[in-house]
Amino acid sequence: SLGFDPDKPLVVATGGGLGANTINQALISAGPELLNNGVQIYHITGKDFFHDAKRKKPDFPEYQMVGFVYSGMSRVLAAADIVVSRASATTIQELAGLAKAAILIPARQLSDQQENARIYQETDSAVVLSDDDIAESDQLIDTIMRLIRHDETRSQMARQLHRFARPQAAGEIARMIWEVMK
């Protein structure tokens, strides 16, 4: 329903609700090479970055760009073969629940994202790149293409991440609160 060819790999990139300029710039730069290799891109820039990013976006129908997803984010993520994102706990839990291959780029100024990324990298649940990695080299392109070419690696990583899913977390928290309140 996003308008992409289901027989071609889809990369979804997001910097979270506020966006991430380094992810935006890296994906815009990587876009032509990825598209020429048959990769489709759904790029969520963040509202504040949308207009600037839209002017720089490669002009391919297989590269869709939006500022923000107001509803249906789970549908967008579910369609992805690979998700490129920051390493917030909320985003990682969404990806874990959907068993998605993830390239995490933690915000350098957020220690919680740095720690999240370290844990998921150590358990082979995600690939972690830094803002510097994606700004100064072809590492983002290389990482995406390696995961696309190696289905088993991508699938194994997604399975590892899925082990962290906690679909009953809200109920568990409610029970804990209830027990404390008794």
N, C-alpha and C. Protein backbone atom coordinates (compact mmCIF):
# COMPACT_ATOMS: atom_id res chain seq x y z
N SER A 1 0.81 -1.21 0.00
CA SER A 1 0.00 0.00 0.00
C SER A 1 0.85 1.27 0.00
N LEU A 2 2.16 1.13 0.17
CA LEU A 2 3.04 2.30 0.10
C LEU A 2 3.41 2.63 -1.34
N GLY A 3 3.05 1.74 -2.26
CA GLY A 3 3.34 1.97 -3.67
C GLY A 3 4.67 1.44 -4.14
N PHE A 4 5.29 0.56 -3.37
CA PHE A 4 6.57 -0.02 -3.75
C PHE A 4 6.39 -1.40 -4.35
N ASP A 5 7.38 -1.82 -5.12
CA ASP A 5 7.39 -3.15 -5.72
C ASP A 5 7.75 -4.16 -4.63
N PRO A 6 6.86 -5.10 -4.31
CA PRO A 6 7.16 -6.06 -3.23
C PRO A 6 8.29 -7.03 -3.57
N ASP A 7 8.69 -7.08 -4.83
CA ASP A 7 9.78 -7.98 -5.23
C ASP A 7 11.16 -7.32 -5.14
N LYS A 8 11.20 -6.06 -4.76
CA LYS A 8 12.47 -5.35 -4.62
C LYS A 8 12.67 -4.96 -3.16
N PRO A 9 13.91 -4.93 -2.69
CA PRO A 9 14.15 -4.58 -1.29
C PRO A 9 13.76 -3.13 -0.99
N LEU A 10 13.22 -2.95 0.21
CA LEU A 10 12.81 -1.63 0.67
C LEU A 10 13.57 -1.26 1.94
N VAL A 11 14.21 -0.10 1.91
CA VAL A 11 14.87 0.46 3.08
C VAL A 11 14.00 1.60 3.58
N VAL A 12 13.67 1.55 4.86
CA VAL A 12 12.96 2.65 5.52
C VAL A 12 13.97 3.34 6.43
N ALA A 13 14.07 4.66 6.32
CA ALA A 13 15.00 5.42 7.15
C ALA A 13 14.24 6.47 7.93
N THR A 14 14.56 6.58 9.22
CA THR A 14 13.92 7.56 10.07
C THR A 14 14.89 8.04 11.14
N GLY A 15 14.81 9.30 11.44
CA GLY A 15 15.60 9.86 12.53
C GLY A 15 14.75 10.14 13.74
N GLY A 16 13.56 9.53 13.78
CA GLY A 16 12.63 9.79 14.87
C GLY A 16 11.76 10.99 14.55
N GLY A 17 10.90 11.35 15.48
CA GLY A 17 9.94 12.42 15.26
C GLY A 17 10.57 13.75 14.90
N LEU A 18 11.72 14.03 15.48
CA LEU A 18 12.39 15.30 15.19
C LEU A 18 13.29 15.21 13.97
N GLY A 19 13.61 14.00 13.55
CA GLY A 19 14.50 13.82 12.41
C GLY A 19 15.96 13.83 12.84
N ALA A 20 16.81 13.51 11.91
CA ALA A 20 18.26 13.49 12.16
C ALA A 20 18.95 13.93 10.88
N ASN A 21 19.51 15.11 10.90
CA ASN A 21 20.10 15.67 9.69
C ASN A 21 21.21 14.79 9.13
N THR A 22 22.03 14.17 10.00
CA THR A 22 23.12 13.34 9.48
C THR A 22 22.57 12.13 8.72
N ILE A 23 21.51 11.52 9.24
CA ILE A 23 20.89 10.39 8.52
C ILE A 23 20.30 10.89 7.21
N ASN A 24 19.63 12.03 7.26
CA ASN A 24 19.03 12.58 6.04
C ASN A 24 20.09 12.81 4.96
N GLN A 25 21.17 13.49 5.32
CA GLN A 25 22.20 13.80 4.33
C GLN A 25 22.86 12.54 3.79
N ALA A 26 23.13 11.58 4.68
CA ALA A 26 23.78 10.34 4.24
C ALA A 26 22.88 9.56 3.28
N LEU A 27 21.59 9.50 3.58
CA LEU A 27 20.69 8.74 2.73
C LEU A 27 20.48 9.44 1.39
N ILE A 28 20.38 10.74 1.40
CA ILE A 28 20.26 11.48 0.14
C ILE A 28 21.50 11.24 -0.72
N SER A 29 22.68 11.26 -0.10
CA SER A 29 23.91 10.99 -0.85
C SER A 29 23.98 9.56 -1.36
N ALA A 30 23.53 8.62 -0.55
CA ALA A 30 23.57 7.20 -0.91
C ALA A 30 22.48 6.82 -1.90
N GLY A 31 21.43 7.62 -1.96
CA GLY A 31 20.26 7.28 -2.76
C GLY A 31 20.52 6.83 -4.18
N PRO A 32 21.24 7.60 -5.00
CA PRO A 32 21.43 7.18 -6.39
C PRO A 32 22.07 5.80 -6.53
N GLU A 33 23.10 5.52 -5.73
CA GLU A 33 23.75 4.21 -5.84
C GLU A 33 22.81 3.09 -5.38
N LEU A 34 22.10 3.31 -4.28
CA LEU A 34 21.16 2.29 -3.81
C LEU A 34 20.07 2.05 -4.84
N LEU A 35 19.51 3.12 -5.37
CA LEU A 35 18.44 3.00 -6.37
C LEU A 35 18.93 2.30 -7.62
N ASN A 36 20.14 2.60 -8.05
CA ASN A 36 20.71 1.94 -9.23
C ASN A 36 20.97 0.46 -9.00
N ASN A 37 21.00 0.05 -7.73
CA ASN A 37 21.16 -1.36 -7.37
C ASN A 37 19.83 -2.02 -7.03
N GLY A 38 18.73 -1.38 -7.40
CA GLY A 38 17.41 -1.99 -7.22
C GLY A 38 16.79 -1.82 -5.85
N VAL A 39 17.36 -0.96 -5.01
CA VAL A 39 16.83 -0.73 -3.67
C VAL A 39 15.80 0.40 -3.73
N GLN A 40 14.69 0.22 -3.04
CA GLN A 40 13.67 1.25 -2.92
C GLN A 40 13.84 1.92 -1.55
N ILE A 41 13.49 3.19 -1.46
CA ILE A 41 13.74 3.95 -0.22
C ILE A 41 12.47 4.70 0.19
N TYR A 42 12.12 4.55 1.47
CA TYR A 42 11.07 5.36 2.09
C TYR A 42 11.76 6.13 3.21
N HIS A 43 11.88 7.43 3.04
CA HIS A 43 12.72 8.27 3.89
C HIS A 43 11.84 9.22 4.69
N ILE A 44 11.87 9.07 6.01
CA ILE A 44 11.12 9.94 6.92
C ILE A 44 12.13 10.92 7.51
N THR A 45 12.05 12.18 7.08
CA THR A 45 13.10 13.16 7.40
C THR A 45 12.96 13.82 8.76
N GLY A 46 11.75 13.87 9.30
CA GLY A 46 11.46 14.73 10.44
C GLY A 46 10.90 16.03 9.87
N LYS A 47 9.90 16.58 10.55
CA LYS A 47 9.19 17.75 10.01
C LYS A 47 10.11 18.93 9.72
N ASP A 48 11.03 19.21 10.64
CA ASP A 48 11.88 20.39 10.49
C ASP A 48 12.87 20.29 9.33
N PHE A 49 13.20 19.08 8.91
CA PHE A 49 14.19 18.89 7.85
C PHE A 49 13.57 18.63 6.48
N PHE A 50 12.26 18.45 6.43
CA PHE A 50 11.62 17.97 5.20
C PHE A 50 11.87 18.87 3.99
N HIS A 51 11.62 20.16 4.11
CA HIS A 51 11.71 21.03 2.93
C HIS A 51 13.13 21.10 2.37
N ASP A 52 14.11 21.19 3.24
CA ASP A 52 15.50 21.21 2.78
C ASP A 52 15.87 19.87 2.14
N ALA A 53 15.50 18.78 2.78
CA ALA A 53 15.83 17.45 2.24
C ALA A 53 15.12 17.20 0.91
N LYS A 54 13.89 17.64 0.80
CA LYS A 54 13.11 17.42 -0.43
C LYS A 54 13.80 18.06 -1.64
N ARG A 55 14.42 19.22 -1.45
CA ARG A 55 15.12 19.89 -2.55
C ARG A 55 16.33 19.09 -3.02
N LYS A 56 16.93 18.30 -2.11
CA LYS A 56 18.15 17.56 -2.44
C LYS A 56 17.89 16.11 -2.84
N LYS A 57 16.67 15.65 -2.66
CA LYS A 57 16.33 14.24 -2.89
C LYS A 57 16.57 13.83 -4.33
N PRO A 58 17.16 12.64 -4.54
CA PRO A 58 17.28 12.11 -5.90
C PRO A 58 15.90 11.94 -6.53
N ASP A 59 15.80 12.27 -7.80
CA ASP A 59 14.50 12.25 -8.48
C ASP A 59 14.24 10.87 -9.10
N PHE A 60 13.83 9.94 -8.26
CA PHE A 60 13.48 8.59 -8.68
C PHE A 60 12.11 8.27 -8.07
N PRO A 61 11.24 7.60 -8.80
CA PRO A 61 9.95 7.23 -8.21
C PRO A 61 10.10 6.21 -7.07
N GLU A 62 11.21 5.49 -7.04
CA GLU A 62 11.44 4.49 -6.00
C GLU A 62 12.01 5.10 -4.72
N TYR A 63 12.12 6.42 -4.69
CA TYR A 63 12.60 7.13 -3.50
C TYR A 63 11.48 8.05 -3.04
N GLN A 64 10.77 7.63 -2.00
CA GLN A 64 9.69 8.45 -1.44
C GLN A 64 10.19 9.12 -0.17
N MET A 65 9.80 10.37 -0.01
CA MET A 65 10.23 11.13 1.16
C MET A 65 9.02 11.79 1.79
N VAL A 66 8.93 11.68 3.12
CA VAL A 66 7.89 12.34 3.89
C VAL A 66 8.54 13.00 5.10
N GLY A 67 7.89 14.01 5.63
CA GLY A 67 8.43 14.68 6.81
C GLY A 67 8.14 13.92 8.09
N PHE A 68 6.95 13.32 8.15
CA PHE A 68 6.52 12.65 9.37
C PHE A 68 5.42 11.67 9.00
N VAL A 69 5.34 10.57 9.72
CA VAL A 69 4.25 9.61 9.51
C VAL A 69 3.27 9.81 10.66
N TYR A 70 2.10 10.35 10.33
CA TYR A 70 1.11 10.67 11.36
C TYR A 70 0.32 9.47 11.82
N SER A 71 0.13 8.51 10.96
CA SER A 71 -0.53 7.26 11.35
C SER A 71 -0.02 6.16 10.44
N GLY A 72 -0.01 4.96 10.97
CA GLY A 72 0.43 3.82 10.16
C GLY A 72 1.92 3.56 10.17
N MET A 73 2.64 4.05 11.19
CA MET A 73 4.08 3.81 11.23
C MET A 73 4.39 2.32 11.28
N SER A 74 3.59 1.55 11.99
CA SER A 74 3.84 0.11 12.05
C SER A 74 3.71 -0.52 10.67
N ARG A 75 2.80 -0.02 9.86
CA ARG A 75 2.63 -0.51 8.49
C ARG A 75 3.87 -0.17 7.65
N VAL A 76 4.40 1.01 7.83
CA VAL A 76 5.61 1.43 7.10
C VAL A 76 6.78 0.53 7.50
N LEU A 77 6.98 0.36 8.80
CA LEU A 77 8.10 -0.47 9.26
C LEU A 77 7.92 -1.93 8.84
N ALA A 78 6.70 -2.41 8.88
CA ALA A 78 6.44 -3.81 8.49
C ALA A 78 6.81 -4.07 7.03
N ALA A 79 6.69 -3.06 6.19
CA ALA A 79 6.99 -3.22 4.76
C ALA A 79 8.49 -3.28 4.49
N ALA A 80 9.30 -2.82 5.43
CA ALA A 80 10.74 -2.68 5.22
C ALA A 80 11.48 -4.01 5.27
N ASP A 81 12.52 -4.11 4.45
CA ASP A 81 13.49 -5.20 4.57
C ASP A 81 14.58 -4.81 5.55
N ILE A 82 14.93 -3.53 5.55
CA ILE A 82 15.95 -2.98 6.44
C ILE A 82 15.45 -1.63 6.92
N VAL A 83 15.67 -1.34 8.21
CA VAL A 83 15.32 -0.04 8.77
C VAL A 83 16.60 0.63 9.26
N VAL A 84 16.79 1.87 8.83
CA VAL A 84 17.90 2.71 9.28
C VAL A 84 17.29 3.72 10.25
N SER A 85 17.79 3.75 11.50
CA SER A 85 17.18 4.65 12.46
C SER A 85 18.13 5.00 13.59
N ARG A 86 17.70 5.96 14.40
CA ARG A 86 18.37 6.24 15.66
C ARG A 86 18.16 5.03 16.56
N ALA A 87 18.74 5.06 17.74
CA ALA A 87 18.69 3.90 18.64
C ALA A 87 17.85 4.17 19.88
N SER A 88 16.71 4.81 19.70
CA SER A 88 15.83 5.05 20.85
C SER A 88 15.19 3.73 21.27
N ALA A 89 14.91 3.61 22.55
CA ALA A 89 14.30 2.38 23.07
C ALA A 89 12.96 2.10 22.40
N THR A 90 12.18 3.13 22.17
CA THR A 90 10.86 2.95 21.55
C THR A 90 10.99 2.40 20.14
N THR A 91 11.84 3.00 19.34
CA THR A 91 12.01 2.53 17.97
C THR A 91 12.55 1.11 17.94
N ILE A 92 13.52 0.83 18.79
CA ILE A 92 14.09 -0.52 18.80
C ILE A 92 13.03 -1.54 19.19
N GLN A 93 12.18 -1.21 20.15
CA GLN A 93 11.12 -2.16 20.52
C GLN A 93 10.13 -2.38 19.39
N GLU A 94 9.82 -1.33 18.64
CA GLU A 94 8.95 -1.52 17.47
C GLU A 94 9.61 -2.46 16.46
N LEU A 95 10.89 -2.25 16.22
CA LEU A 95 11.62 -3.09 15.26
C LEU A 95 11.74 -4.52 15.77
N ALA A 96 11.93 -4.68 17.08
CA ALA A 96 12.02 -6.02 17.67
C ALA A 96 10.69 -6.75 17.51
N GLY A 97 9.61 -6.06 17.80
CA GLY A 97 8.29 -6.68 17.67
C GLY A 97 7.98 -7.13 16.25
N LEU A 98 8.49 -6.39 15.28
CA LEU A 98 8.27 -6.71 13.87
C LEU A 98 9.36 -7.60 13.28
N ALA A 99 10.39 -7.90 14.07
CA ALA A 99 11.53 -8.72 13.62
C ALA A 99 12.14 -8.14 12.34
N LYS A 100 12.64 -6.91 12.45
CA LYS A 100 13.23 -6.22 11.30
C LYS A 100 14.75 -6.13 11.43
N ALA A 101 15.42 -6.24 10.32
CA ALA A 101 16.86 -5.99 10.29
C ALA A 101 17.06 -4.49 10.46
N ALA A 102 17.99 -4.12 11.34
CA ALA A 102 18.15 -2.70 11.67
C ALA A 102 19.61 -2.26 11.58
N ILE A 103 19.77 -1.06 11.03
CA ILE A 103 21.04 -0.35 11.09
C ILE A 103 20.79 0.82 12.04
N LEU A 104 21.40 0.78 13.20
CA LEU A 104 21.18 1.80 14.22
C LEU A 104 22.30 2.82 14.18
N ILE A 105 21.91 4.09 14.24
CA ILE A 105 22.87 5.19 14.24
C ILE A 105 22.53 6.04 15.47
N PRO A 106 23.13 5.71 16.62
CA PRO A 106 22.77 6.42 17.84
C PRO A 106 23.21 7.88 17.80
N ALA A 107 22.38 8.74 18.37
CA ALA A 107 22.75 10.15 18.49
C ALA A 107 23.92 10.24 19.46
N ARG A 108 24.99 10.86 19.04
CA ARG A 108 26.22 10.87 19.86
C ARG A 108 26.02 11.56 21.20
N GLN A 109 25.09 12.50 21.30
CA GLN A 109 24.89 13.25 22.53
C GLN A 109 23.93 12.56 23.50
N LEU A 110 23.37 11.41 23.10
CA LEU A 110 22.40 10.72 23.96
C LEU A 110 22.98 9.39 24.45
N SER A 111 23.37 9.38 25.71
CA SER A 111 24.03 8.19 26.26
C SER A 111 23.12 6.97 26.25
N ASP A 112 21.80 7.17 26.40
CA ASP A 112 20.90 6.01 26.37
C ASP A 112 20.92 5.35 25.00
N GLN A 113 20.96 6.15 23.94
CA GLN A 113 21.03 5.57 22.60
C GLN A 113 22.37 4.87 22.37
N GLN A 114 23.44 5.44 22.88
CA GLN A 114 24.75 4.81 22.75
C GLN A 114 24.74 3.44 23.44
N GLU A 115 24.15 3.38 24.63
CA GLU A 115 24.09 2.12 25.38
C GLU A 115 23.17 1.12 24.67
N ASN A 116 22.01 1.57 24.20
CA ASN A 116 21.11 0.69 23.45
C ASN A 116 21.85 0.08 22.26
N ALA A 117 22.51 0.91 21.51
CA ALA A 117 23.22 0.44 20.31
C ALA A 117 24.28 -0.59 20.67
N ARG A 118 25.02 -0.33 21.74
CA ARG A 118 26.06 -1.27 22.17
C ARG A 118 25.47 -2.64 22.49
N ILE A 119 24.38 -2.66 23.22
CA ILE A 119 23.74 -3.93 23.60
C ILE A 119 23.29 -4.70 22.37
N TYR A 120 22.63 -4.02 21.46
CA TYR A 120 22.10 -4.72 20.28
C TYR A 120 23.21 -5.14 19.32
N GLN A 121 24.27 -4.37 19.26
CA GLN A 121 25.41 -4.78 18.43
C GLN A 121 26.10 -6.00 19.02
N GLU A 122 26.31 -6.00 20.33
CA GLU A 122 26.99 -7.12 20.99
C GLU A 122 26.22 -8.43 20.86
N THR A 123 24.91 -8.36 20.70
CA THR A 123 24.09 -9.57 20.57
C THR A 123 23.78 -9.89 19.11
N ASP A 124 24.46 -9.23 18.19
CA ASP A 124 24.24 -9.43 16.74
C ASP A 124 22.79 -9.20 16.34
N SER A 125 22.14 -8.27 17.05
CA SER A 125 20.74 -7.95 16.78
C SER A 125 20.58 -6.76 15.86
N ALA A 126 21.67 -6.04 15.62
CA ALA A 126 21.64 -4.86 14.75
C ALA A 126 23.07 -4.52 14.33
N VAL A 127 23.17 -3.79 13.23
CA VAL A 127 24.45 -3.21 12.82
C VAL A 127 24.44 -1.78 13.36
N VAL A 128 25.55 -1.35 13.93
CA VAL A 128 25.63 0.00 14.48
C VAL A 128 26.68 0.79 13.71
N LEU A 129 26.28 1.97 13.26
CA LEU A 129 27.18 2.92 12.62
C LEU A 129 27.07 4.23 13.38
N SER A 130 28.11 5.04 13.32
CA SER A 130 28.08 6.35 13.98
C SER A 130 27.73 7.42 12.95
N ASP A 131 27.39 8.60 13.46
CA ASP A 131 27.16 9.73 12.57
C ASP A 131 28.39 9.99 11.72
N ASP A 132 29.58 9.86 12.32
CA ASP A 132 30.82 10.05 11.56
C ASP A 132 30.97 9.00 10.47
N ASP A 133 30.64 7.75 10.78
CA ASP A 133 30.72 6.68 9.78
C ASP A 133 29.90 7.01 8.54
N ILE A 134 28.69 7.49 8.76
CA ILE A 134 27.81 7.71 7.61
C ILE A 134 28.07 9.04 6.91
N ALA A 135 28.71 9.97 7.61
CA ALA A 135 28.97 11.28 7.01
C ALA A 135 30.22 11.28 6.15
N GLU A 136 31.18 10.43 6.46
CA GLU A 136 32.50 10.54 5.84
C GLU A 136 32.88 9.38 4.95
N SER A 137 31.97 8.47 4.70
CA SER A 137 32.36 7.31 3.90
C SER A 137 31.14 6.69 3.23
N ASP A 138 31.38 5.60 2.54
CA ASP A 138 30.30 4.85 1.90
C ASP A 138 29.80 3.73 2.81
N GLN A 139 30.05 3.83 4.10
CA GLN A 139 29.67 2.74 5.00
C GLN A 139 28.17 2.47 5.00
N LEU A 140 27.36 3.49 4.88
CA LEU A 140 25.92 3.25 4.86
C LEU A 140 25.54 2.44 3.63
N ILE A 141 26.04 2.84 2.47
CA ILE A 141 25.77 2.10 1.23
C ILE A 141 26.28 0.67 1.37
N ASP A 142 27.52 0.52 1.81
CA ASP A 142 28.12 -0.81 1.92
C ASP A 142 27.34 -1.70 2.87
N THR A 143 26.90 -1.15 4.00
CA THR A 143 26.17 -1.94 4.99
C THR A 143 24.81 -2.35 4.46
N ILE A 144 24.09 -1.42 3.85
CA ILE A 144 22.78 -1.75 3.27
C ILE A 144 22.94 -2.83 2.20
N MET A 145 23.88 -2.65 1.30
CA MET A 145 24.04 -3.61 0.20
C MET A 145 24.48 -4.98 0.72
N ARG A 146 25.33 -5.01 1.74
CA ARG A 146 25.75 -6.30 2.31
C ARG A 146 24.55 -7.04 2.90
N LEU A 147 23.70 -6.32 3.62
CA LEU A 147 22.52 -6.95 4.21
C LEU A 147 21.53 -7.40 3.14
N ILE A 148 21.39 -6.63 2.08
CA ILE A 148 20.47 -7.01 1.01
C ILE A 148 20.98 -8.26 0.29
N ARG A 149 22.28 -8.32 0.07
CA ARG A 149 22.85 -9.46 -0.67
C ARG A 149 22.91 -10.74 0.16
N HIS A 150 22.84 -10.61 1.47
CA HIS A 150 22.96 -11.77 2.35
C HIS A 150 21.67 -11.95 3.16
N ASP A 151 20.71 -12.60 2.53
CA ASP A 151 19.40 -12.81 3.16
C ASP A 151 19.51 -13.48 4.52
N GLU A 152 20.37 -14.49 4.61
CA GLU A 152 20.48 -15.23 5.88
C GLU A 152 21.03 -14.35 7.00
N THR A 153 22.01 -13.52 6.70
CA THR A 153 22.54 -12.60 7.71
C THR A 153 21.45 -11.64 8.17
N ARG A 154 20.72 -11.10 7.22
CA ARG A 154 19.63 -10.17 7.53
C ARG A 154 18.56 -10.87 8.37
N SER A 155 18.19 -12.07 7.98
CA SER A 155 17.15 -12.82 8.70
C SER A 155 17.61 -13.18 10.11
N GLN A 156 18.85 -13.60 10.24
CA GLN A 156 19.39 -13.95 11.55
C GLN A 156 19.41 -12.74 12.47
N MET A 157 19.82 -11.60 11.94
CA MET A 157 19.86 -10.38 12.73
C MET A 157 18.44 -10.00 13.19
N ALA A 158 17.47 -10.11 12.30
CA ALA A 158 16.09 -9.80 12.64
C ALA A 158 15.57 -10.76 13.72
N ARG A 159 15.91 -12.03 13.62
CA ARG A 159 15.49 -13.01 14.64
C ARG A 159 16.12 -12.68 16.00
N GLN A 160 17.39 -12.31 15.97
CA GLN A 160 18.06 -11.93 17.22
C GLN A 160 17.38 -10.71 17.85
N LEU A 161 17.06 -9.72 17.04
CA LEU A 161 16.40 -8.53 17.56
C LEU A 161 15.02 -8.89 18.11
N HIS A 162 14.32 -9.78 17.44
CA HIS A 162 12.97 -10.17 17.87
C HIS A 162 12.98 -10.79 19.27
N ARG A 163 14.08 -11.38 19.66
CA ARG A 163 14.18 -11.96 21.00
C ARG A 163 14.00 -10.91 22.09
N PHE A 164 14.24 -9.64 21.77
CA PHE A 164 14.09 -8.56 22.74
C PHE A 164 12.67 -8.01 22.79
N ALA A 165 11.80 -8.47 21.92
CA ALA A 165 10.43 -7.94 21.86
C ALA A 165 9.69 -8.23 23.16
N ARG A 166 8.93 -7.29 23.60
CA ARG A 166 8.11 -7.44 24.80
C ARG A 166 6.68 -6.98 24.48
N PRO A 167 5.93 -7.78 23.72
CA PRO A 167 4.59 -7.34 23.31
C PRO A 167 3.62 -7.18 24.47
N GLN A 168 3.89 -7.81 25.60
CA GLN A 168 3.00 -7.72 26.75
C GLN A 168 3.49 -6.71 27.79
N ALA A 169 4.40 -5.83 27.40
CA ALA A 169 5.03 -4.92 28.36
C ALA A 169 4.02 -4.04 29.08
N ALA A 170 3.04 -3.51 28.39
CA ALA A 170 2.06 -2.62 29.03
C ALA A 170 1.31 -3.36 30.14
N GLY A 171 0.91 -4.58 29.87
CA GLY A 171 0.22 -5.38 30.88
C GLY A 171 1.11 -5.70 32.07
N GLU A 172 2.37 -6.01 31.79
CA GLU A 172 3.32 -6.31 32.86
C GLU A 172 3.54 -5.09 33.75
N ILE A 173 3.66 -3.93 33.15
CA ILE A 173 3.84 -2.70 33.92
C ILE A 173 2.60 -2.42 34.76
N ALA A 174 1.43 -2.58 34.16
CA ALA A 174 0.18 -2.35 34.90
C ALA A 174 0.09 -3.29 36.11
N ARG A 175 0.47 -4.56 35.93
CA ARG A 175 0.45 -5.51 37.05
C ARG A 175 1.43 -5.09 38.15
N MET A 176 2.61 -4.62 37.75
CA MET A 176 3.59 -4.17 38.76
C MET A 176 3.04 -2.98 39.54
N ILE A 177 2.45 -2.05 38.84
CA ILE A 177 1.87 -0.87 39.51
C ILE A 177 0.76 -1.31 40.45
N TRP A 178 -0.08 -2.21 39.99
CA TRP A 178 -1.18 -2.72 40.80
C TRP A 178 -0.65 -3.38 42.08
N GLU A 179 0.41 -4.17 41.94
CA GLU A 179 1.00 -4.85 43.10
C GLU A 179 1.56 -3.84 44.10
N VAL A 180 2.20 -2.80 43.62
CA VAL A 180 2.76 -1.78 44.50
C VAL A 180 1.64 -1.02 45.22
N MET A 181 0.54 -0.80 44.53
CA MET A 181 -0.57 -0.03 45.09
C MET A 181 -1.39 -0.82 46.10
N LYS A 182 -1.29 -2.13 46.11
CA LYS A 182 -2.08 -2.96 47.04
C LYS A 182 -1.73 -2.67 48.48
